[in-house]
Protein backbone atom coordinates (compact mmCIF):
# COMPACT_ATOMS: atom_id res chain seq x y z
CA PRO A 1 1.81 -37.64 -35.65
CA GLY A 2 2.02 -34.16 -34.16
CA HIS A 3 -1.17 -34.69 -32.15
CA VAL A 4 -1.06 -33.00 -28.73
CA GLN A 5 -3.44 -34.16 -26.01
CA LEU A 6 -3.95 -31.40 -23.46
CA LEU A 7 -5.10 -33.03 -20.23
CA PRO A 8 -7.84 -31.23 -18.28
CA PRO A 9 -7.30 -29.41 -14.95
CA GLN A 10 -7.42 -31.51 -11.77
CA ASN A 11 -8.93 -31.03 -8.30
CA VAL A 12 -11.50 -28.49 -9.54
CA THR A 13 -13.16 -27.10 -6.40
CA LEU A 14 -15.57 -24.26 -5.70
CA LEU A 15 -14.68 -22.68 -2.36
CA SER A 16 -16.40 -20.07 -0.25
CA ARG A 17 -13.78 -18.29 1.82
CA ASP A 18 -13.53 -14.89 3.51
CA PHE A 19 -16.77 -13.59 1.90
CA ALA A 20 -15.67 -14.71 -1.59
CA MET A 21 -16.67 -17.55 -3.94
CA ILE A 22 -13.50 -18.87 -5.59
CA LEU A 23 -12.91 -21.66 -8.09
CA THR A 24 -9.53 -23.39 -7.69
CA TRP A 25 -7.80 -26.14 -9.67
CA ALA A 26 -4.43 -27.73 -10.39
CA PRO A 27 -2.78 -28.11 -13.79
CA GLY A 28 -3.43 -31.34 -15.65
CA GLU A 29 -0.62 -33.87 -15.65
CA GLY A 30 2.14 -32.93 -18.07
CA SER A 31 0.68 -29.48 -18.80
CA PRO A 32 3.00 -26.99 -20.54
CA ALA A 33 4.39 -24.24 -18.31
CA ASP A 34 2.63 -21.53 -20.34
CA VAL A 35 -0.84 -23.13 -20.34
CA ASN A 36 -3.83 -20.81 -19.73
CA TYR A 37 -7.33 -21.44 -18.39
CA THR A 38 -10.87 -20.28 -19.10
CA VAL A 39 -13.74 -20.41 -16.58
CA ARG A 40 -17.52 -20.33 -16.93
CA TYR A 41 -20.32 -20.79 -14.40
CA GLU A 42 -23.87 -22.13 -14.37
CA SER A 43 -26.68 -21.04 -12.03
CA GLN A 44 -29.46 -23.46 -11.00
CA ASP A 45 -32.10 -20.92 -12.01
CA ARG A 46 -30.69 -20.99 -15.58
CA PRO A 47 -29.67 -24.63 -16.12
CA GLU A 48 -27.49 -25.54 -19.08
CA LYS A 49 -26.61 -21.89 -19.69
CA TRP A 50 -22.91 -21.49 -18.97
CA MET A 51 -22.08 -17.84 -18.33
CA LYS A 52 -18.76 -16.35 -19.40
CA VAL A 53 -16.48 -14.80 -16.76
CA PRO A 54 -14.60 -12.08 -18.65
CA HIS A 55 -11.83 -11.64 -16.07
CA CYS A 56 -11.14 -15.41 -16.09
CA LYS A 57 -10.64 -16.01 -19.81
CA ASN A 58 -7.20 -17.29 -20.91
CA ILE A 59 -5.62 -16.66 -17.50
CA PRO A 60 -2.31 -18.20 -16.35
CA ARG A 61 -3.31 -18.56 -12.67
CA THR A 62 -5.10 -21.55 -11.15
CA PHE A 63 -7.97 -19.76 -9.41
CA CYS A 64 -10.86 -17.46 -10.33
CA ASN A 65 -12.79 -15.18 -7.97
CA LEU A 66 -16.40 -15.54 -9.12
CA THR A 67 -18.09 -13.47 -6.40
CA CYS A 68 -18.96 -10.34 -8.33
CA ALA A 69 -19.68 -12.26 -11.54
CA LEU A 70 -22.62 -14.08 -9.91
CA SER A 71 -26.04 -12.77 -10.90
CA ASN A 72 -27.85 -14.20 -7.86
CA PHE A 73 -26.40 -14.94 -4.40
CA TYR A 74 -29.43 -17.01 -3.35
CA VAL A 75 -29.19 -19.75 -5.99
CA LYS A 76 -26.72 -22.62 -6.15
CA VAL A 77 -24.00 -22.29 -8.78
CA ARG A 78 -21.23 -24.45 -10.15
CA ALA A 79 -18.28 -23.58 -12.35
CA ARG A 80 -16.16 -25.29 -14.95
CA VAL A 81 -12.64 -24.73 -16.26
CA LYS A 82 -10.65 -25.87 -19.28
CA ALA A 83 -6.99 -25.62 -20.20
CA VAL A 84 -5.98 -23.69 -23.34
CA TRP A 85 -2.58 -23.90 -25.02
CA GLY A 86 -2.21 -22.31 -28.42
CA ARG A 87 -4.88 -23.88 -30.62
CA PHE A 88 -5.31 -26.84 -28.25
CA GLN A 89 -8.01 -27.08 -25.59
CA SER A 90 -8.72 -29.65 -22.92
CA PRO A 91 -12.19 -30.93 -22.01
CA TRP A 92 -14.11 -28.88 -19.44
CA VAL A 93 -14.05 -30.05 -15.80
CA GLU A 94 -16.95 -29.08 -13.55
CA SER A 95 -17.05 -28.28 -9.84
CA GLN A 96 -19.74 -29.23 -7.36
CA PHE A 97 -22.70 -26.88 -6.74
CA LYS A 98 -22.40 -24.27 -4.00
CA ASP A 99 -24.69 -21.60 -2.59
CA TYR A 100 -23.03 -18.32 -1.65
CA TYR A 101 -25.80 -17.33 0.77
CA SER A 102 -25.73 -20.48 2.88
CA ASP A 103 -22.17 -21.74 2.24
CA VAL A 104 -20.22 -18.49 2.64
CA GLU A 105 -17.32 -18.65 5.09
CA LEU A 106 -16.71 -15.50 7.08
CA ALA A 107 -13.49 -13.64 7.74
CA PRO A 108 -12.94 -11.99 11.12
CA PRO A 109 -13.58 -8.23 11.14
CA VAL A 110 -10.85 -5.64 11.53
CA LEU A 111 -11.38 -3.53 14.65
CA ASN A 112 -10.93 0.23 14.72
CA LEU A 113 -10.63 1.90 18.15
CA ASN A 114 -10.98 5.61 18.85
CA VAL A 115 -10.10 6.44 22.47
CA GLU A 116 -11.40 9.64 24.06
CA GLU A 117 -11.53 10.76 27.67
CA ASN A 118 -14.08 8.51 29.46
CA PHE A 119 -15.21 6.90 26.20
CA ILE A 120 -13.95 4.49 23.58
CA HIS A 121 -15.58 4.09 20.16
CA VAL A 122 -15.22 0.67 18.54
CA SER A 123 -16.17 -0.13 14.96
CA ALA A 124 -15.59 -3.18 12.80
CA SER A 125 -14.83 -3.32 9.10
CA PHE A 126 -14.90 -6.36 6.84
CA PRO A 127 -12.87 -7.36 3.76
CA LEU A 128 -16.04 -7.47 1.67
CA PRO A 129 -16.23 -7.62 -2.10
CA THR A 130 -18.08 -4.47 -3.24
CA CYS A 131 -20.92 -6.53 -4.73
CA VAL A 132 -21.97 -8.02 -1.37
CA GLU A 133 -21.77 -4.91 0.81
CA ASN A 134 -25.57 -4.66 1.00
CA LEU A 135 -25.89 -8.03 2.78
CA THR A 136 -26.41 -7.60 6.52
CA TRP A 137 -23.42 -8.81 8.48
CA LYS A 138 -23.26 -8.33 12.22
CA TYR A 139 -20.55 -8.85 14.77
CA ASP A 140 -19.98 -9.93 18.37
CA LEU A 141 -17.61 -7.75 20.34
CA ASN A 142 -15.68 -9.10 23.32
CA LEU A 143 -14.14 -6.87 26.01
CA TRP A 144 -11.90 -8.10 28.82
CA GLU A 145 -9.11 -6.97 31.10
CA ALA A 146 -5.75 -8.27 29.90
CA GLY A 147 -4.81 -11.41 31.83
CA SER A 148 -8.40 -12.11 32.87
CA GLU A 149 -10.45 -15.04 31.60
CA HIS A 150 -13.71 -13.11 32.09
CA LYS A 151 -14.97 -11.69 28.82
CA VAL A 152 -17.99 -9.44 28.35
CA ILE A 153 -19.84 -9.91 25.06
CA LEU A 154 -21.27 -6.53 24.22
CA CYS A 155 -23.38 -7.00 21.13
CA PHE A 156 -25.95 -9.75 21.55
CA VAL A 157 -28.24 -11.48 24.05
CA SER A 158 -27.13 -15.10 23.96
CA GLN A 159 -29.50 -16.51 26.59
CA GLN A 160 -32.50 -15.64 24.39
CA LYS A 161 -30.72 -17.05 21.34
CA GLU A 162 -31.67 -13.87 19.53
CA TYR A 163 -28.73 -12.13 17.99
CA ASP A 164 -29.14 -8.38 18.25
CA GLY A 165 -25.57 -8.09 17.04
CA CYS A 166 -23.87 -4.82 16.21
CA PHE A 167 -24.53 -3.94 12.61
CA ARG A 168 -21.54 -3.70 10.34
CA LYS A 169 -21.51 0.07 9.96
CA ASP A 170 -22.36 0.90 13.55
CA THR A 171 -19.88 2.18 16.11
CA VAL A 172 -20.16 0.86 19.66
CA THR A 173 -19.46 3.52 22.28
CA ILE A 174 -18.31 2.30 25.70
CA ASN A 175 -18.13 4.41 28.85
CA THR A 176 -14.67 3.72 30.27
CA THR A 177 -14.99 5.76 33.48
CA ALA A 178 -14.96 2.62 35.65
CA LEU A 179 -12.27 0.83 33.64
CA ARG A 180 -8.68 1.16 34.76
CA GLY A 181 -5.82 -0.79 33.23
CA ASN A 182 -5.12 -2.70 30.04
CA TYR A 183 -8.31 -3.76 28.24
CA CYS A 184 -8.59 -5.87 25.12
CA PHE A 185 -11.17 -6.04 22.34
CA SER A 186 -11.86 -8.80 19.83
CA ALA A 187 -14.74 -9.41 17.42
CA ARG A 188 -16.18 -12.04 15.11
CA ALA A 189 -18.48 -11.73 12.12
CA LEU A 190 -22.03 -13.11 12.30
CA TYR A 191 -24.32 -13.95 9.42
CA GLU A 192 -27.74 -15.55 9.64
CA SER A 193 -28.82 -17.59 6.62
CA ILE A 194 -30.29 -21.07 7.09
CA ASP A 195 -28.48 -21.19 10.41
CA LEU A 196 -26.27 -18.77 12.30
CA LYS A 197 -22.71 -18.64 11.01
CA HIS A 198 -19.76 -16.94 12.63
CA SER A 199 -16.11 -16.35 11.84
CA GLU A 200 -13.13 -16.86 14.09
CA PHE A 201 -12.50 -14.03 16.54
CA SER A 202 -10.15 -11.30 15.34
CA GLN A 203 -6.71 -10.77 16.86
CA PRO A 204 -7.13 -8.85 20.16
CA VAL A 205 -6.49 -5.11 20.19
CA CYS A 206 -5.52 -3.82 23.65
CA VAL A 207 -5.50 -0.26 25.03
CA LEU A 208 -4.45 1.27 28.35
CA LEU A 209 -7.42 3.07 29.92
CA ASN A 210 -7.41 5.78 32.61
CA HIS A 211 -3.73 5.30 33.24
CA LYS A 212 -2.11 8.04 35.33
CA GLY A 213 1.50 8.91 34.78
C-alpha cells in the first residue's frame, strides 16, 4: 500500500540538429504533471563512466542540450535519462550512440550583405554553440538575377570535387559594376568529416544593384 511506481521516460533519442547534440524524450505513461528529469552521458573512450550534466539535473522539460557538456567531439556518446518525482525515481533509459563529428546536422547560415558603390560584401554567420566555434565550417554562396534559373556558385570548384569553400569568418567581395537589376544571394553550410555534409540553402536575400532613379 502507498507504493508508487514511476514509469521511465519513453522515446529517448539523441539527435544532432542545427550544430547541436540534443537528447529528447517523452514522459512515461501516467507520469505526474510536476515530474522532473535527470540526464547523464557516456563517452566510448570512457565506457561505463556516466558523466553528470549539471544543467540537466531535476529539470521539468523533456530535452537536454548536451553539446557543450561533451568532452570530446570525435568519440561516440550516448545519454540516459530518468524521471524523478519527490523521493521516487524511475529506471534509467538509454539512447543510441551518436558521434557529433560525423552525425552533426547543419543549419543554413545567415547572410549579411553590405552594399557599396560597385561592390557588395557578403558574409555568413552560423548559429553555433560557443564550444564548437573552432571547428572549420565553410559555405557555398549562390548568386543569381531574380527570375532567372541560372545560378553562379561563388565559393567552390565543383568539377574537381575539391571544396575550396568560403571560410566561416571570411567576407566575399563581389564587383557589381556589370550587374544591373535585382540580384539574389543564398548560402548553405558545408562540413567535411567522413564525407561532405551540407545544410539546406538559406532563404534568399535580394538587393537592387546599379539602379538609376
